[in-house]
C-alpha atoms as a PDB file:
ATOM      1  CA  MET A   1      56.017 -59.886 -33.389  1.00  0.00           C
ATOM      2  CA  LYS A   2      55.776 -59.531 -37.221  1.00  0.00           C
ATOM      3  CA  TRP A   3      52.119 -59.015 -38.352  1.00  0.00           C
ATOM      4  CA  SER A   4      51.745 -62.552 -40.423  1.00  0.00           C
ATOM      5  CA  GLU A   5      53.100 -64.664 -36.888  1.00  0.00           C
ATOM      6  CA  GLU A   6      50.233 -62.290 -34.850  1.00  0.00           C
ATOM      7  CA  ALA A   7      47.998 -63.025 -38.034  1.00  0.00           C
ATOM      8  CA  TRP A   8      48.734 -67.109 -37.511  1.00  0.00           C
ATOM      9  CA  LYS A   9      48.712 -67.001 -33.872  1.00  0.00           C
ATOM     10  CA  ALA A  10      44.932 -65.482 -33.950  1.00  0.00           C
ATOM     11  CA  SER A  11      43.800 -67.975 -36.648  1.00  0.00           C
ATOM     12  CA  GLU A  12      45.437 -71.410 -35.457  1.00  0.00           C
ATOM     13  CA  ASP A  13      42.234 -72.768 -33.829  1.00  0.00           C
ATOM     14  CA  ILE A  14      40.890 -72.728 -37.238  1.00  0.00           C
ATOM     15  CA  TYR A  15      43.889 -74.590 -39.274  1.00  0.00           C
ATOM     16  CA  GLU A  16      43.697 -77.422 -36.421  1.00  0.00           C
ATOM     17  CA  LYS A  17      40.022 -77.688 -37.263  1.00  0.00           C
ATOM     18  CA  ILE A  18      40.624 -77.768 -41.007  1.00  0.00           C
ATOM     19  CA  LEU A  19      43.439 -80.573 -40.282  1.00  0.00           C
ATOM     20  CA  GLN A  20      40.867 -82.279 -38.425  1.00  0.00           C
ATOM     21  CA  HIS A  21      37.920 -82.014 -40.996  1.00  0.00           C
ATOM     22  CA  PRO A  22      36.834 -85.156 -42.651  1.00  0.00           C
ATOM     23  CA  PHE A  23      37.242 -84.329 -45.838  1.00  0.00           C
ATOM     24  CA  VAL A  24      41.011 -83.121 -45.462  1.00  0.00           C
ATOM     25  CA  LYS A  25      41.620 -86.257 -43.888  1.00  0.00           C
ATOM     26  CA  GLY A  26      40.389 -88.459 -47.041  1.00  0.00           C
ATOM     27  CA  LEU A  27      42.408 -86.458 -49.106  1.00  0.00           C
ATOM     28  CA  ALA A  28      45.534 -87.156 -47.101  1.00  0.00           C
ATOM     29  CA  ASP A  29      44.629 -91.020 -47.387  1.00  0.00           C
ATOM     30  CA  GLY A  30      42.725 -91.392 -50.209  1.00  0.00           C
ATOM     31  CA  THR A  31      39.486 -92.649 -49.252  1.00  0.00           C
ATOM     32  CA  LEU A  32      37.392 -89.068 -50.056  1.00  0.00           C
ATOM     33  CA  PRO A  33      34.496 -90.021 -51.774  1.00  0.00           C
ATOM     34  CA  ALA A  34      35.284 -89.407 -55.672  1.00  0.00           C
ATOM     35  CA  GLU A  35      32.046 -87.221 -55.834  1.00  0.00           C
ATOM     36  CA  LYS A  36      32.685 -84.810 -53.132  1.00  0.00           C
ATOM     37  CA  PHE A  37      35.970 -84.316 -54.333  1.00  0.00           C
ATOM     38  CA  ARG A  38      34.475 -83.566 -57.752  1.00  0.00           C
ATOM     39  CA  PHE A  39      32.136 -81.373 -56.155  1.00  0.00           C
ATOM     40  CA  TYR A  40      35.299 -79.692 -54.365  1.00  0.00           C
ATOM     41  CA  ILE A  41      37.431 -79.203 -57.483  1.00  0.00           C
ATOM     42  CA  GLU A  42      33.986 -78.144 -59.742  1.00  0.00           C
ATOM     43  CA  GLN A  43      33.546 -75.309 -56.744  1.00  0.00           C
ATOM     44  CA  ASP A  44      37.475 -74.080 -56.467  1.00  0.00           C
ATOM     45  CA  ALA A  45      37.621 -73.553 -60.546  1.00  0.00           C
ATOM     46  CA  LEU A  46      34.828 -71.726 -59.751  1.00  0.00           C
ATOM     47  CA  TYR A  47      36.286 -69.623 -56.667  1.00  0.00           C
ATOM     48  CA  LEU A  48      39.862 -69.228 -58.355  1.00  0.00           C
ATOM     49  CA  ARG A  49      38.598 -66.767 -61.250  1.00  0.00           C
ATOM     50  CA  GLN A  50      37.054 -64.621 -59.312  1.00  0.00           C
ATOM     51  CA  TYR A  51      40.487 -65.036 -56.649  1.00  0.00           C
ATOM     52  CA  PHE A  52      42.413 -64.406 -59.677  1.00  0.00           C
ATOM     53  CA  ARG A  53      40.731 -60.870 -60.344  1.00  0.00           C
ATOM     54  CA  VAL A  54      41.162 -59.957 -56.544  1.00  0.00           C
ATOM     55  CA  LEU A  55      45.118 -61.099 -57.179  1.00  0.00           C
ATOM     56  CA  SER A  56      45.319 -58.395 -60.286  1.00  0.00           C
ATOM     57  CA  HIS A  57      43.517 -55.610 -57.974  1.00  0.00           C
ATOM     58  CA  ILE A  58      45.949 -55.361 -55.578  1.00  0.00           C
ATOM     59  CA  ALA A  59      48.478 -55.394 -58.461  1.00  0.00           C
ATOM     60  CA  SER A  60      47.187 -52.567 -59.544  1.00  0.00           C
ATOM     61  CA  ARG A  61      47.224 -50.983 -56.147  1.00  0.00           C
ATOM     62  CA  LEU A  62      51.034 -51.489 -55.312  1.00  0.00           C
ATOM     63  CA  ASP A  63      53.374 -49.005 -55.210  1.00  0.00           C
ATOM     64  CA  ASP A  64      56.121 -51.445 -55.490  1.00  0.00           C
ATOM     65  CA  ILE A  65      56.839 -52.157 -59.139  1.00  0.00           C
ATOM     66  CA  SER A  66      58.652 -55.607 -57.751  1.00  0.00           C
ATOM     67  CA  GLU A  67      55.274 -56.490 -55.267  1.00  0.00           C
ATOM     68  CA  ALA A  68      53.264 -55.468 -58.102  1.00  0.00           C
ATOM     69  CA  GLU A  69      54.939 -57.774 -60.535  1.00  0.00           C
ATOM     70  CA  THR A  70      55.128 -60.539 -58.034  1.00  0.00           C
ATOM     71  CA  PHE A  71      51.212 -60.026 -57.419  1.00  0.00           C
ATOM     72  CA  ILE A  72      50.870 -59.741 -61.168  1.00  0.00           C
ATOM     73  CA  LYS A  73      52.921 -63.430 -62.068  1.00  0.00           C
ATOM     74  CA  PHE A  74      50.843 -64.982 -58.363  1.00  0.00           C
ATOM     75  CA  ALA A  75      47.467 -64.930 -60.661  1.00  0.00           C
ATOM     76  CA  SER A  76      49.005 -65.644 -64.281  1.00  0.00           C
ATOM     77  CA  ASP A  77      50.771 -68.751 -62.985  1.00  0.00           C
ATOM     78  CA  GLY A  78      47.758 -69.641 -60.707  1.00  0.00           C
ATOM     79  CA  VAL A  79      45.387 -69.466 -63.525  1.00  0.00           C
ATOM     80  CA  ALA A  80      47.922 -71.586 -65.398  1.00  0.00           C
ATOM     81  CA  VAL A  81      48.402 -74.424 -62.172  1.00  0.00           C
ATOM     82  CA  GLU A  82      44.699 -74.262 -62.432  1.00  0.00           C
ATOM     83  CA  LYS A  83      44.132 -75.437 -65.586  1.00  0.00           C
ATOM     84  CA  ALA A  84      46.359 -78.307 -65.769  1.00  0.00           C
ATOM     85  CA  LEU A  85      45.380 -79.186 -61.860  1.00  0.00           C
ATOM     86  CA  HIS A  86      41.592 -79.135 -62.867  1.00  0.00           C
ATOM     87  CA  GLY A  87      41.904 -80.334 -66.536  1.00  0.00           C
ATOM     88  CA  SER A  88      43.334 -83.724 -65.184  1.00  0.00           C
ATOM     89  CA  PHE A  89      40.204 -84.243 -62.902  1.00  0.00           C
ATOM     90  CA  LEU A  90      37.511 -82.745 -64.688  1.00  0.00           C
ATOM     91  CA  LYS A  91      38.279 -84.326 -68.104  1.00  0.00           C
ATOM     92  CA  ASP A  92      34.145 -83.991 -69.486  1.00  0.00           C
ATOM     93  CA  ASP A  93      31.837 -80.807 -70.157  1.00  0.00           C
ATOM     94  CA  ARG A  94      29.935 -80.930 -66.982  1.00  0.00           C
ATOM     95  CA  GLN A  95      31.761 -78.310 -65.294  1.00  0.00           C
ATOM     96  CA  ASP A  96      30.246 -75.515 -67.528  1.00  0.00           C
ATOM     97  CA  GLU A  97      27.224 -76.489 -65.581  1.00  0.00           C
ATOM     98  CA  ALA A  98      28.614 -75.911 -62.314  1.00  0.00           C
ATOM     99  CA  PHE A  99      27.000 -73.361 -60.029  1.00  0.00           C
ATOM    100  CA  ALA A 100      28.605 -71.345 -57.367  1.00  0.00           C
ATOM    101  CA  SER A 101      27.792 -72.968 -53.742  1.00  0.00           C
ATOM    102  CA  PRO A 102      26.198 -70.382 -51.025  1.00  0.00           C
ATOM    103  CA  SER A 103      29.645 -71.046 -49.352  1.00  0.00           C
ATOM    104  CA  CYS A 104      31.805 -70.757 -52.642  1.00  0.00           C
ATOM    105  CA  SER A 105      29.559 -67.355 -53.423  1.00  0.00           C
ATOM    106  CA  LEU A 106      30.287 -66.210 -50.027  1.00  0.00           C
ATOM    107  CA  TYR A 107      34.204 -66.784 -50.280  1.00  0.00           C
ATOM    108  CA  THR A 108      34.420 -65.242 -53.362  1.00  0.00           C
ATOM    109  CA  SER A 109      32.607 -62.049 -52.540  1.00  0.00           C
ATOM    110  CA  THR A 110      33.939 -61.007 -49.158  1.00  0.00           C
ATOM    111  CA  LEU A 111      37.004 -61.373 -51.549  1.00  0.00           C
ATOM    112  CA  LEU A 112      36.102 -58.990 -54.107  1.00  0.00           C
ATOM    113  CA  SER A 113      34.041 -56.442 -51.660  1.00  0.00           C
ATOM    114  CA  GLN A 114      38.090 -56.029 -49.971  1.00  0.00           C
ATOM    115  CA  CYS A 115      38.518 -53.935 -53.133  1.00  0.00           C
ATOM    116  CA  LEU A 116      37.076 -51.040 -51.469  1.00  0.00           C
ATOM    117  CA  GLU A 117      39.507 -51.496 -48.461  1.00  0.00           C
ATOM    118  CA  PRO A 118      42.939 -50.223 -47.736  1.00  0.00           C
ATOM    119  CA  VAL A 119      45.180 -52.496 -50.111  1.00  0.00           C
ATOM    120  CA  GLU A 120      47.172 -54.051 -46.988  1.00  0.00           C
ATOM    121  CA  VAL A 121      43.342 -55.202 -45.687  1.00  0.00           C
ATOM    122  CA  GLU A 122      42.702 -56.435 -49.130  1.00  0.00           C
ATOM    123  CA  ALA A 123      46.155 -58.520 -49.452  1.00  0.00           C
ATOM    124  CA  ALA A 124      45.581 -59.851 -45.962  1.00  0.00           C
ATOM    125  CA  ALA A 125      42.264 -61.172 -47.299  1.00  0.00           C
ATOM    126  CA  VAL A 126      43.858 -63.427 -50.274  1.00  0.00           C
ATOM    127  CA  LEU A 127      47.027 -64.426 -47.867  1.00  0.00           C
ATOM    128  CA  PRO A 128      44.643 -67.698 -46.205  1.00  0.00           C
ATOM    129  CA  CYS A 129      44.260 -69.198 -49.031  1.00  0.00           C
ATOM    130  CA  PHE A 130      47.829 -68.974 -50.101  1.00  0.00           C
ATOM    131  CA  TRP A 131      48.979 -70.610 -46.511  1.00  0.00           C
ATOM    132  CA  ILE A 132      46.468 -72.430 -45.372  1.00  0.00           C
ATOM    133  CA  TYR A 133      46.543 -74.298 -48.599  1.00  0.00           C
ATOM    134  CA  GLN A 134      50.675 -74.835 -48.430  1.00  0.00           C
ATOM    135  CA  ARG A 135      50.328 -76.002 -45.167  1.00  0.00           C
ATOM    136  CA  VAL A 136      47.806 -78.295 -45.638  1.00  0.00           C
ATOM    137  CA  GLY A 137      49.734 -79.313 -48.326  1.00  0.00           C
ATOM    138  CA  GLU A 138      52.753 -79.612 -46.727  1.00  0.00           C
ATOM    139  CA  TRP A 139      51.187 -81.288 -44.015  1.00  0.00           C
ATOM    140  CA  ILE A 140      49.622 -84.098 -45.581  1.00  0.00           C
ATOM    141  CA  TYR A 141      52.867 -84.946 -47.477  1.00  0.00           C
ATOM    142  CA  ALA A 142      54.748 -85.391 -44.360  1.00  0.00           C
ATOM    143  CA  SER A 143      52.270 -87.901 -43.394  1.00  0.00           C
ATOM    144  CA  VAL A 144      51.551 -89.771 -46.701  1.00  0.00           C
ATOM    145  CA  GLY A 145      54.528 -89.153 -48.913  1.00  0.00           C
ATOM    146  CA  GLU A 146      54.138 -89.445 -52.830  1.00  0.00           C
ATOM    147  CA  CYS A 147      51.642 -92.155 -52.576  1.00  0.00           C
ATOM    148  CA  MET A 148      50.634 -92.867 -56.257  1.00  0.00           C
ATOM    149  CA  GLU A 149      47.906 -95.139 -54.577  1.00  0.00           C
ATOM    150  CA  ASN A 150      46.151 -92.355 -52.936  1.00  0.00           C
ATOM    151  CA  PRO A 151      44.007 -91.269 -56.082  1.00  0.00           C
ATOM    152  CA  TYR A 152      44.927 -87.482 -55.053  1.00  0.00           C
ATOM    153  CA  SER A 153      48.195 -86.987 -54.930  1.00  0.00           C
ATOM    154  CA  SER A 154      48.712 -85.123 -58.107  1.00  0.00           C
ATOM    155  CA  TRP A 155      46.539 -82.383 -55.671  1.00  0.00           C
ATOM    156  CA  ILE A 156      49.087 -83.081 -52.768  1.00  0.00           C
ATOM    157  CA  GLN A 157      52.020 -82.445 -54.677  1.00  0.00           C
ATOM    158  CA  THR A 158      50.748 -79.357 -56.227  1.00  0.00           C
ATOM    159  CA  TYR A 159      50.102 -77.893 -52.644  1.00  0.00           C
ATOM    160  CA  ALA A 160      53.601 -79.144 -51.557  1.00  0.00           C
ATOM    161  CA  ASP A 161      55.090 -78.037 -53.983  1.00  0.00           C
ATOM    162  CA  LYS A 162      58.606 -75.884 -53.728  1.00  0.00           C
ATOM    163  CA  THR A 163      57.446 -73.409 -56.017  1.00  0.00           C
ATOM    164  CA  PHE A 164      54.104 -73.188 -54.144  1.00  0.00           C
ATOM    165  CA  MET A 165      55.576 -72.730 -50.903  1.00  0.00           C
ATOM    166  CA  GLU A 166      57.774 -70.241 -52.281  1.00  0.00           C
ATOM    167  CA  SER A 167      54.905 -68.279 -53.289  1.00  0.00           C
ATOM    168  CA  THR A 168      53.737 -67.972 -50.585  1.00  0.00           C
ATOM    169  CA  GLU A 169      56.696 -66.719 -48.130  1.00  0.00           C
ATOM    170  CA  ARG A 170      56.935 -64.103 -50.752  1.00  0.00           C
ATOM    171  CA  ALA A 171      53.037 -62.955 -50.859  1.00  0.00           C
ATOM    172  CA  ILE A 172      53.492 -63.220 -46.738  1.00  0.00           C
ATOM    173  CA  GLU A 173      57.145 -60.930 -46.508  1.00  0.00           C
ATOM    174  CA  ILE A 174      54.599 -58.693 -49.071  1.00  0.00           C
ATOM    175  CA  CYS A 175      51.736 -58.721 -46.241  1.00  0.00           C
ATOM    176  CA  ASP A 176      54.672 -58.464 -43.394  1.00  0.00           C
ATOM    177  CA  ARG A 177      56.246 -54.908 -45.099  1.00  0.00           C
ATOM    178  CA  LEU A 178      52.279 -53.677 -45.592  1.00  0.00           C
ATOM    179  CA  ALA A 179      51.546 -54.205 -42.261  1.00  0.00           C
ATOM    180  CA  GLU A 180      54.945 -52.649 -41.212  1.00  0.00           C
ATOM    181  CA  ASN A 181      54.037 -49.050 -42.592  1.00  0.00           C
ATOM    182  CA  ALA A 182      49.898 -49.182 -41.847  1.00  0.00           C
ATOM    183  CA  SER A 183      48.780 -47.652 -38.926  1.00  0.00           C
ATOM    184  CA  VAL A 184      47.557 -49.840 -36.232  1.00  0.00           C
ATOM    185  CA  GLU A 185      43.850 -49.624 -36.835  1.00  0.00           C
ATOM    186  CA  VAL A 186      44.485 -51.167 -40.811  1.00  0.00           C
ATOM    187  CA  ARG A 187      46.563 -53.480 -38.846  1.00  0.00           C
ATOM    188  CA  GLU A 188      44.156 -54.931 -36.689  1.00  0.00           C
ATOM    189  CA  ARG A 189      41.837 -54.640 -39.280  1.00  0.00           C
ATOM    190  CA  MET A 190      44.847 -57.023 -41.846  1.00  0.00           C
ATOM    191  CA  THR A 191      44.539 -59.518 -39.048  1.00  0.00           C
ATOM    192  CA  LYS A 192      40.545 -59.846 -38.564  1.00  0.00           C
ATOM    193  CA  ILE A 193      40.032 -60.657 -42.143  1.00  0.00           C
ATOM    194  CA  PHE A 194      42.470 -62.893 -42.340  1.00  0.00           C
ATOM    195  CA  ARG A 195      41.030 -64.773 -39.384  1.00  0.00           C
ATOM    196  CA  TYR A 196      38.023 -64.244 -41.324  1.00  0.00           C
ATOM    197  CA  CYS A 197      39.085 -65.460 -44.766  1.00  0.00           C
ATOM    198  CA  ALA A 198      40.641 -68.416 -42.691  1.00  0.00           C
ATOM    199  CA  ARG A 199      37.449 -69.561 -41.518  1.00  0.00           C
ATOM    200  CA  MET A 200      35.999 -69.100 -45.045  1.00  0.00           C
ATOM    201  CA  GLU A 201      38.824 -71.915 -45.956  1.00  0.00           C
ATOM    202  CA  TRP A 202      37.206 -74.648 -43.068  1.00  0.00           C
ATOM    203  CA  LEU A 203      34.299 -73.360 -44.648  1.00  0.00           C
ATOM    204  CA  PHE A 204      34.963 -74.225 -48.147  1.00  0.00           C
ATOM    205  CA  TRP A 205      36.285 -77.643 -47.173  1.00  0.00           C
ATOM    206  CA  ASP A 206      32.774 -78.722 -45.235  1.00  0.00           C
ATOM    207  CA  SER A 207      31.289 -77.181 -48.316  1.00  0.00           C
ATOM    208  CA  ALA A 208      32.294 -80.026 -50.408  1.00  0.00           C
ATOM    209  CA  TRP A 209      31.570 -82.417 -47.302  1.00  0.00           C
ATOM    210  CA  ASN A 210      28.397 -82.245 -47.580  1.00  0.00           C
ATOM    211  CA  LEU A 211      27.689 -81.654 -51.718  1.00  0.00           C
ATOM    212  CA  GLU A 212      26.249 -78.158 -50.080  1.00  0.00           C
ATOM    213  CA  ALA A 213      23.345 -76.739 -52.332  1.00  0.00           C
ATOM    214  CA  TRP A 214      21.411 -73.622 -51.994  1.00  0.00           C
ATOM    215  CA  LYS A 215      18.172 -74.187 -50.418  1.00  0.00           C
ATOM    216  CA  VAL A 216      16.096 -72.388 -52.049  1.00  0.00           C
END
């Protein structure tokens, strides 16, 4: 069994909970309150700034040149997509006032801390963001299709897009290659961080649903 299959199986219960979350259901049927979606987009922009840094750091650690180039492309393409997508939903200057929520801060600090781990573990940590978003986008699109009446249709189409699917498949392929050459202990750590970051994905949706704020 490939490492990616083991990792997904170990985290599938979290993915199922994500599909049942009211935020994701609201995205699918278009009933998600606008203020909750805006909160999510603002936090996502803050998250992705750090995520792209981690992707670039992984690229600097990979021995295989083609894989390093792939991660550099993930980061550069991601910046362009993020600007276009977030720009379409954030049309004023309030984004400059956004402050990372507790969940966003936890997730980004977790990813950034993986620079101290083996590159296999760092790569496994960024994979849930690819894979879960691709699966969620695909699931929503299969449920509602190109419903232009849904105010979040452009978001849905971004993550259900063939290009994003291909990027996800490439990220999985690289992680599997890294796992093949890793020790049993490192492979187990890869699975552990994958599940942990899958949990962070659920927490991120939940944070937006609840408009999470710092208590003090």
